[in-house]
């Protein structure tokens, strides 16, 4: 199976799995599907409103010690003491979160494409995916915000 990020170089890095989504993969959670569904069937951090809004996702990632990146820089960053600064990007469509990805310590990014595979790729502002065997191109949204987690 081939997944191509239209506006970037990409490589599949895992097998297909339905156990987690891009929002979980952004914080390296491979056990749960993160989403603020109203039926409370999916994982969502306690105390965070179950609404598909950018502010709710920012609050959810804050429970994992991420903060909004002040200048929104997607480039590789290291803390003053030399530790890799983890970054995630949240993408939205019409203001609602639609995808998230995580930066690797190589500077490349990793995404989970729905119930499909994980993909390593370059950073993209507008996330468009083409999947072999599926006639439509998937629009996963525009980059809305970058968050970071600094290890001290």
N, C-alpha and C. Protein backbone atom coordinates (compact mmCIF):
# COMPACT_ATOMS: atom_id res chain seq x y z
N UNK A 1 0.85 -1.18 0.00
CA UNK A 1 0.00 0.00 0.00
C UNK A 1 0.89 1.24 0.00
N UNK A 2 0.48 2.23 -0.71
CA UNK A 2 1.28 3.45 -0.83
C UNK A 2 0.49 4.65 -0.31
N UNK A 3 1.08 5.38 0.61
CA UNK A 3 0.51 6.64 1.08
C UNK A 3 1.49 7.73 0.66
N UNK A 4 0.99 8.71 -0.01
CA UNK A 4 1.83 9.80 -0.48
C UNK A 4 1.30 11.10 0.08
N UNK A 5 2.13 11.85 0.75
CA UNK A 5 1.74 13.20 1.14
C UNK A 5 2.07 14.07 -0.06
N UNK A 6 1.03 14.59 -0.68
CA UNK A 6 1.15 15.27 -1.96
C UNK A 6 2.21 16.36 -1.95
N UNK A 7 2.22 17.17 -0.90
CA UNK A 7 3.15 18.30 -0.88
C UNK A 7 4.35 18.02 0.01
N UNK A 8 4.88 16.80 -0.04
CA UNK A 8 6.06 16.46 0.74
C UNK A 8 6.52 15.05 0.51
N UNK A 9 7.74 14.76 0.92
CA UNK A 9 8.34 13.44 0.82
C UNK A 9 7.87 12.61 2.01
N UNK A 10 7.42 11.37 1.79
CA UNK A 10 6.91 10.56 2.90
C UNK A 10 7.28 9.09 2.75
N UNK A 11 7.29 8.38 3.90
CA UNK A 11 7.60 6.96 3.93
C UNK A 11 6.74 6.30 5.01
N UNK A 12 6.15 5.16 4.71
CA UNK A 12 5.37 4.40 5.69
C UNK A 12 6.34 3.80 6.70
N UNK A 13 5.99 3.89 7.99
CA UNK A 13 6.90 3.41 9.03
C UNK A 13 6.26 2.38 9.97
N UNK A 14 5.02 1.98 9.71
CA UNK A 14 4.38 1.00 10.58
C UNK A 14 3.37 0.19 9.78
N UNK A 15 2.83 -0.81 10.44
CA UNK A 15 1.71 -1.56 9.86
C UNK A 15 0.43 -0.79 10.13
N UNK A 16 -0.57 -1.13 9.39
CA UNK A 16 -1.90 -0.55 9.57
C UNK A 16 -2.47 -0.98 10.92
N UNK A 17 -3.04 -0.05 11.68
CA UNK A 17 -3.64 -0.39 12.96
C UNK A 17 -4.78 0.56 13.30
N UNK A 18 -5.87 0.04 13.86
CA UNK A 18 -7.00 0.88 14.25
C UNK A 18 -6.96 1.31 15.71
N UNK A 19 -5.88 0.99 16.43
CA UNK A 19 -5.86 1.20 17.88
C UNK A 19 -5.63 2.64 18.32
N UNK A 20 -5.05 3.46 17.48
CA UNK A 20 -4.79 4.86 17.84
C UNK A 20 -4.92 5.73 16.60
N UNK A 21 -5.10 7.02 16.82
CA UNK A 21 -5.24 7.96 15.70
C UNK A 21 -4.11 9.00 15.75
N UNK A 22 -4.18 9.97 14.86
CA UNK A 22 -3.11 10.97 14.78
C UNK A 22 -3.01 11.80 16.05
N UNK A 23 -4.14 12.06 16.71
CA UNK A 23 -4.12 12.87 17.93
C UNK A 23 -3.40 12.13 19.06
N UNK A 24 -3.57 10.81 19.13
CA UNK A 24 -2.85 10.00 20.11
C UNK A 24 -1.38 9.86 19.71
N UNK A 25 -1.13 9.60 18.44
CA UNK A 25 0.23 9.40 17.94
C UNK A 25 1.08 10.65 18.15
N UNK A 26 0.45 11.82 18.14
CA UNK A 26 1.19 13.07 18.36
C UNK A 26 1.89 13.06 19.72
N UNK A 27 1.33 12.37 20.70
CA UNK A 27 1.97 12.26 22.02
C UNK A 27 2.52 10.85 22.25
N UNK A 28 2.69 10.11 21.16
CA UNK A 28 3.26 8.77 21.16
C UNK A 28 2.43 7.77 21.96
N UNK A 29 1.12 7.95 22.00
CA UNK A 29 0.21 7.03 22.66
C UNK A 29 -0.28 6.03 21.61
N UNK A 30 0.14 4.78 21.72
CA UNK A 30 -0.24 3.75 20.77
C UNK A 30 -1.30 2.81 21.32
N UNK A 31 -1.91 3.21 22.42
CA UNK A 31 -2.90 2.36 23.09
C UNK A 31 -4.33 2.86 22.96
N UNK A 32 -4.50 4.16 22.69
CA UNK A 32 -5.84 4.74 22.74
C UNK A 32 -6.12 5.63 21.53
N UNK A 33 -7.39 5.77 21.23
CA UNK A 33 -7.89 6.66 20.18
C UNK A 33 -8.34 7.94 20.89
N UNK A 34 -7.63 9.04 20.67
CA UNK A 34 -7.95 10.31 21.33
C UNK A 34 -8.99 11.07 20.50
N UNK A 35 -10.10 11.39 21.09
CA UNK A 35 -11.08 12.26 20.44
C UNK A 35 -12.16 12.65 21.45
N UNK A 36 -12.58 13.91 21.44
CA UNK A 36 -13.57 14.38 22.41
C UNK A 36 -15.01 14.09 22.01
N UNK A 37 -15.29 12.84 21.68
CA UNK A 37 -16.64 12.47 21.23
C UNK A 37 -17.64 12.67 22.36
N UNK A 38 -18.85 13.04 22.01
CA UNK A 38 -19.91 13.30 22.99
C UNK A 38 -20.40 12.07 23.72
N UNK A 39 -20.15 10.89 23.17
CA UNK A 39 -20.61 9.65 23.80
C UNK A 39 -19.60 9.09 24.80
N UNK A 40 -18.46 9.73 24.89
CA UNK A 40 -17.39 9.33 25.80
C UNK A 40 -16.91 7.90 25.57
N UNK A 41 -16.88 7.50 24.29
CA UNK A 41 -16.37 6.17 23.96
C UNK A 41 -14.87 6.19 23.67
N UNK A 42 -14.35 7.35 23.31
CA UNK A 42 -12.92 7.49 23.01
C UNK A 42 -12.21 8.14 24.19
N UNK A 43 -10.90 7.96 24.26
CA UNK A 43 -10.13 8.57 25.35
C UNK A 43 -10.10 10.09 25.18
N UNK A 44 -10.25 10.78 26.28
CA UNK A 44 -10.06 12.23 26.33
C UNK A 44 -9.63 12.57 27.75
N UNK A 45 -8.62 13.42 27.93
CA UNK A 45 -8.14 13.72 29.28
C UNK A 45 -9.25 14.27 30.19
N UNK A 46 -9.25 13.80 31.42
CA UNK A 46 -10.25 14.23 32.40
C UNK A 46 -10.20 15.74 32.61
N UNK A 47 -11.37 16.32 32.73
CA UNK A 47 -11.47 17.75 33.01
C UNK A 47 -11.39 18.65 31.80
N UNK A 48 -11.15 18.09 30.63
CA UNK A 48 -11.05 18.89 29.40
C UNK A 48 -12.39 18.78 28.67
N UNK A 49 -12.95 19.92 28.24
CA UNK A 49 -14.25 19.86 27.54
C UNK A 49 -14.21 18.91 26.34
N UNK A 50 -15.24 18.10 26.21
CA UNK A 50 -15.36 17.17 25.08
C UNK A 50 -15.98 17.90 23.90
N UNK A 51 -15.17 18.74 23.28
CA UNK A 51 -15.63 19.48 22.10
C UNK A 51 -14.50 19.52 21.08
N UNK A 52 -14.87 19.43 19.83
CA UNK A 52 -13.89 19.41 18.75
C UNK A 52 -13.49 20.84 18.38
N UNK A 53 -12.77 21.48 19.32
CA UNK A 53 -12.30 22.84 19.11
C UNK A 53 -10.79 22.87 19.31
N UNK A 54 -10.15 23.84 18.70
CA UNK A 54 -8.71 23.98 18.86
C UNK A 54 -8.36 24.22 20.33
N UNK A 55 -9.14 25.02 21.02
CA UNK A 55 -8.83 25.30 22.44
C UNK A 55 -8.93 24.03 23.29
N UNK A 56 -9.89 23.15 23.01
CA UNK A 56 -10.00 21.90 23.77
C UNK A 56 -8.79 21.01 23.50
N UNK A 57 -8.32 20.95 22.25
CA UNK A 57 -7.15 20.14 21.94
C UNK A 57 -5.89 20.72 22.57
N UNK A 58 -5.77 22.03 22.57
CA UNK A 58 -4.62 22.66 23.24
C UNK A 58 -4.63 22.28 24.72
N UNK A 59 -5.80 22.36 25.37
CA UNK A 59 -5.90 21.98 26.78
C UNK A 59 -5.60 20.50 26.99
N UNK A 60 -6.04 19.65 26.06
CA UNK A 60 -5.76 18.21 26.17
C UNK A 60 -4.26 17.96 26.11
N UNK A 61 -3.56 18.61 25.19
CA UNK A 61 -2.12 18.41 25.07
C UNK A 61 -1.36 19.05 26.23
N UNK A 62 -1.94 20.06 26.85
CA UNK A 62 -1.31 20.63 28.05
C UNK A 62 -1.26 19.59 29.17
N UNK A 63 -2.21 18.65 29.20
CA UNK A 63 -2.17 17.60 30.23
C UNK A 63 -0.96 16.69 30.02
N UNK A 64 -0.37 16.74 28.83
CA UNK A 64 0.83 15.97 28.51
C UNK A 64 2.07 16.87 28.55
N UNK A 65 1.94 18.05 29.17
CA UNK A 65 3.03 19.00 29.40
C UNK A 65 3.49 19.73 28.14
N UNK A 66 2.62 19.85 27.15
CA UNK A 66 2.93 20.67 25.99
C UNK A 66 2.44 22.08 26.24
N UNK A 67 3.09 23.03 25.61
CA UNK A 67 2.69 24.44 25.68
C UNK A 67 2.65 24.98 24.26
N UNK A 68 1.89 26.04 24.06
CA UNK A 68 1.84 26.65 22.74
C UNK A 68 3.22 27.23 22.44
N UNK A 69 3.74 26.92 21.28
CA UNK A 69 5.06 27.40 20.85
C UNK A 69 4.93 28.90 20.52
N UNK A 70 5.65 29.76 21.24
CA UNK A 70 5.45 31.21 21.10
C UNK A 70 5.53 31.76 19.68
N UNK A 71 6.47 31.24 18.89
CA UNK A 71 6.59 31.78 17.52
C UNK A 71 6.10 30.80 16.46
N UNK A 72 5.64 29.62 16.88
CA UNK A 72 5.08 28.65 15.93
C UNK A 72 6.09 28.11 14.95
N UNK A 73 7.34 28.02 15.35
CA UNK A 73 8.42 27.56 14.47
C UNK A 73 8.44 26.04 14.36
N UNK A 74 8.28 25.48 13.15
CA UNK A 74 8.29 24.02 12.99
C UNK A 74 9.69 23.42 12.90
N UNK A 75 10.73 24.25 12.97
CA UNK A 75 12.09 23.73 12.83
C UNK A 75 12.57 23.04 14.09
N UNK A 76 13.55 22.17 13.93
CA UNK A 76 14.15 21.44 15.03
C UNK A 76 14.69 22.42 16.06
N UNK A 77 14.48 22.10 17.34
CA UNK A 77 14.88 23.00 18.42
C UNK A 77 15.44 22.19 19.57
N UNK A 78 16.42 22.76 20.24
CA UNK A 78 17.00 22.14 21.42
C UNK A 78 16.93 23.12 22.58
N UNK A 79 16.74 22.60 23.79
CA UNK A 79 16.68 23.46 24.98
C UNK A 79 18.08 23.96 25.30
N UNK A 80 18.21 24.98 26.17
CA UNK A 80 19.53 25.48 26.53
C UNK A 80 20.47 24.41 27.09
N UNK A 81 19.91 23.38 27.73
CA UNK A 81 20.77 22.31 28.27
C UNK A 81 20.97 21.17 27.27
N UNK A 82 20.57 21.38 26.01
CA UNK A 82 20.88 20.43 24.95
C UNK A 82 19.85 19.35 24.68
N UNK A 83 18.72 19.36 25.38
CA UNK A 83 17.69 18.35 25.14
C UNK A 83 16.83 18.72 23.94
N UNK A 84 16.41 17.69 23.21
CA UNK A 84 15.50 17.86 22.07
C UNK A 84 14.17 18.39 22.57
N UNK A 85 13.64 19.42 21.93
CA UNK A 85 12.34 19.98 22.26
C UNK A 85 11.31 19.28 21.39
N UNK A 86 10.41 18.51 22.02
CA UNK A 86 9.37 17.82 21.26
C UNK A 86 8.34 18.83 20.76
N UNK A 87 7.93 18.68 19.51
CA UNK A 87 6.92 19.57 18.95
C UNK A 87 5.81 18.75 18.31
N UNK A 88 4.60 19.29 18.40
CA UNK A 88 3.47 18.72 17.69
C UNK A 88 2.79 19.83 16.92
N UNK A 89 2.16 19.48 15.82
CA UNK A 89 1.40 20.44 15.02
C UNK A 89 -0.04 19.95 14.97
N UNK A 90 -0.97 20.88 15.17
CA UNK A 90 -2.39 20.56 15.07
C UNK A 90 -2.93 21.21 13.80
N UNK A 91 -3.62 20.42 13.00
CA UNK A 91 -4.21 20.89 11.75
C UNK A 91 -5.72 21.01 11.93
N UNK A 92 -6.32 21.96 11.24
CA UNK A 92 -7.77 22.15 11.35
C UNK A 92 -8.40 22.31 9.97
N UNK A 93 -9.69 22.01 9.93
CA UNK A 93 -10.54 22.29 8.77
C UNK A 93 -11.72 23.08 9.32
N UNK A 94 -11.92 24.27 8.82
CA UNK A 94 -12.99 25.15 9.30
C UNK A 94 -12.96 25.32 10.82
N UNK A 95 -11.76 25.43 11.38
CA UNK A 95 -11.60 25.68 12.80
C UNK A 95 -11.64 24.46 13.70
N UNK A 96 -12.00 23.29 13.16
CA UNK A 96 -12.06 22.06 13.96
C UNK A 96 -10.82 21.21 13.73
N UNK A 97 -10.18 20.73 14.80
CA UNK A 97 -9.00 19.88 14.63
C UNK A 97 -9.31 18.65 13.76
N UNK A 98 -8.41 18.40 12.82
CA UNK A 98 -8.62 17.32 11.87
C UNK A 98 -7.44 16.35 11.81
N UNK A 99 -6.28 16.77 12.33
CA UNK A 99 -5.07 15.95 12.25
C UNK A 99 -4.02 16.53 13.19
N UNK A 100 -3.11 15.69 13.64
CA UNK A 100 -1.96 16.15 14.42
C UNK A 100 -0.75 15.32 14.02
N UNK A 101 0.42 15.91 14.13
CA UNK A 101 1.65 15.18 13.86
C UNK A 101 2.72 15.59 14.87
N UNK A 102 3.77 14.80 14.95
CA UNK A 102 4.83 14.99 15.94
C UNK A 102 6.18 15.08 15.25
N UNK A 103 7.01 15.98 15.74
CA UNK A 103 8.36 16.10 15.18
C UNK A 103 9.28 15.06 15.82
N UNK A 104 10.12 14.47 14.99
CA UNK A 104 11.11 13.51 15.45
C UNK A 104 12.44 14.24 15.72
N UNK A 105 13.35 13.59 16.42
CA UNK A 105 14.62 14.25 16.74
C UNK A 105 15.54 14.42 15.52
N UNK A 106 15.09 13.96 14.37
CA UNK A 106 15.83 14.17 13.11
C UNK A 106 15.37 15.44 12.40
N UNK A 107 14.28 16.03 12.90
CA UNK A 107 13.70 17.20 12.25
C UNK A 107 12.53 16.85 11.34
N UNK A 108 12.42 15.57 10.97
CA UNK A 108 11.26 15.13 10.19
C UNK A 108 10.08 14.97 11.11
N UNK A 109 8.91 14.74 10.54
CA UNK A 109 7.67 14.63 11.31
C UNK A 109 7.06 13.26 11.10
N UNK A 110 6.19 12.84 12.03
CA UNK A 110 5.50 11.56 11.91
C UNK A 110 4.01 11.76 12.13
N UNK A 111 3.22 11.07 11.34
CA UNK A 111 1.76 11.16 11.40
C UNK A 111 1.15 9.78 11.36
N UNK A 112 -0.03 9.67 11.93
CA UNK A 112 -0.86 8.46 11.79
C UNK A 112 -1.99 8.88 10.87
N UNK A 113 -2.19 8.15 9.80
CA UNK A 113 -3.20 8.48 8.81
C UNK A 113 -4.47 7.67 9.10
N UNK A 114 -5.36 8.23 9.92
CA UNK A 114 -6.62 7.56 10.27
C UNK A 114 -6.39 6.20 10.89
N UNK A 115 -7.02 5.16 10.33
CA UNK A 115 -6.82 3.78 10.83
C UNK A 115 -5.70 3.10 10.05
N UNK A 116 -5.01 3.86 9.25
CA UNK A 116 -3.97 3.30 8.40
C UNK A 116 -2.61 3.32 9.10
N UNK A 117 -1.56 3.45 8.31
CA UNK A 117 -0.19 3.37 8.80
C UNK A 117 0.30 4.71 9.39
N UNK A 118 1.45 4.60 10.08
CA UNK A 118 2.20 5.79 10.48
C UNK A 118 3.08 6.16 9.29
N UNK A 119 3.31 7.45 9.13
CA UNK A 119 4.09 7.94 8.00
C UNK A 119 5.11 8.95 8.50
N UNK A 120 6.35 8.84 8.05
CA UNK A 120 7.38 9.84 8.33
C UNK A 120 7.42 10.78 7.13
N UNK A 121 7.49 12.08 7.41
CA UNK A 121 7.38 13.07 6.33
C UNK A 121 8.04 14.39 6.70
N UNK A 122 8.16 15.25 5.71
CA UNK A 122 8.61 16.62 5.94
C UNK A 122 7.46 17.41 6.54
N UNK A 123 7.75 18.54 7.16
CA UNK A 123 6.69 19.39 7.69
C UNK A 123 5.92 20.02 6.54
N UNK A 124 4.60 20.05 6.65
CA UNK A 124 3.77 20.67 5.63
C UNK A 124 2.77 21.61 6.29
N UNK A 125 2.47 22.71 5.63
CA UNK A 125 1.48 23.67 6.13
C UNK A 125 0.06 23.20 5.84
N UNK A 126 -0.11 22.59 4.67
CA UNK A 126 -1.43 22.09 4.26
C UNK A 126 -1.30 20.59 4.03
N UNK A 127 -1.99 19.79 4.81
CA UNK A 127 -1.80 18.35 4.82
C UNK A 127 -2.78 17.68 3.86
N UNK A 128 -2.25 17.20 2.73
CA UNK A 128 -3.05 16.51 1.73
C UNK A 128 -2.43 15.14 1.51
N UNK A 129 -3.27 14.10 1.53
CA UNK A 129 -2.77 12.73 1.42
C UNK A 129 -3.46 12.01 0.26
N UNK A 130 -2.67 11.24 -0.46
CA UNK A 130 -3.21 10.38 -1.52
C UNK A 130 -2.89 8.95 -1.11
N UNK A 131 -3.90 8.09 -1.10
CA UNK A 131 -3.71 6.69 -0.71
C UNK A 131 -4.01 5.81 -1.91
N UNK A 132 -3.08 4.93 -2.22
CA UNK A 132 -3.24 4.01 -3.35
C UNK A 132 -4.54 3.22 -3.20
N UNK A 133 -5.32 3.17 -4.24
CA UNK A 133 -6.56 2.41 -4.24
C UNK A 133 -7.77 3.22 -3.80
N UNK A 134 -7.56 4.43 -3.31
CA UNK A 134 -8.67 5.30 -2.93
C UNK A 134 -8.69 6.46 -3.92
N UNK A 135 -9.79 6.64 -4.64
CA UNK A 135 -9.81 7.62 -5.73
C UNK A 135 -9.72 9.09 -5.28
N UNK A 136 -10.19 9.40 -4.08
CA UNK A 136 -10.18 10.79 -3.65
C UNK A 136 -8.93 11.13 -2.86
N UNK A 137 -8.49 12.37 -3.02
CA UNK A 137 -7.38 12.88 -2.23
C UNK A 137 -7.96 13.33 -0.90
N UNK A 138 -7.30 12.99 0.21
CA UNK A 138 -7.77 13.36 1.54
C UNK A 138 -7.15 14.68 1.98
N UNK A 139 -7.98 15.62 2.35
CA UNK A 139 -7.51 16.89 2.89
C UNK A 139 -7.55 16.76 4.41
N UNK A 140 -6.39 16.75 5.05
CA UNK A 140 -6.33 16.63 6.50
C UNK A 140 -6.18 17.98 7.19
N UNK A 141 -6.26 19.06 6.43
CA UNK A 141 -6.32 20.38 7.03
C UNK A 141 -5.09 21.24 6.87
N UNK A 142 -5.20 22.43 7.44
CA UNK A 142 -4.13 23.42 7.44
C UNK A 142 -3.53 23.51 8.84
N UNK A 143 -2.23 23.73 8.89
CA UNK A 143 -1.57 23.86 10.18
C UNK A 143 -2.14 25.07 10.91
N UNK A 144 -2.59 24.85 12.14
CA UNK A 144 -3.16 25.93 12.94
C UNK A 144 -2.24 26.36 14.07
N UNK A 145 -1.58 25.40 14.69
CA UNK A 145 -0.75 25.75 15.85
C UNK A 145 0.33 24.71 16.05
N UNK A 146 1.44 25.15 16.61
CA UNK A 146 2.51 24.24 17.00
C UNK A 146 2.66 24.35 18.51
N UNK A 147 2.77 23.19 19.14
CA UNK A 147 3.00 23.14 20.59
C UNK A 147 4.33 22.45 20.82
N UNK A 148 4.90 22.67 22.01
CA UNK A 148 6.18 22.06 22.30
C UNK A 148 6.22 21.59 23.76
N UNK A 149 7.10 20.60 23.98
CA UNK A 149 7.34 20.09 25.33
C UNK A 149 8.85 20.09 25.53
N UNK A 150 9.28 20.89 26.50
CA UNK A 150 10.71 21.04 26.77
C UNK A 150 11.08 20.16 27.96
N UNK A 151 12.10 19.34 27.77
CA UNK A 151 12.62 18.50 28.86
C UNK A 151 13.74 19.26 29.55
N UNK A 152 13.67 19.31 30.85
CA UNK A 152 14.70 20.05 31.62
C UNK A 152 15.68 19.10 32.27
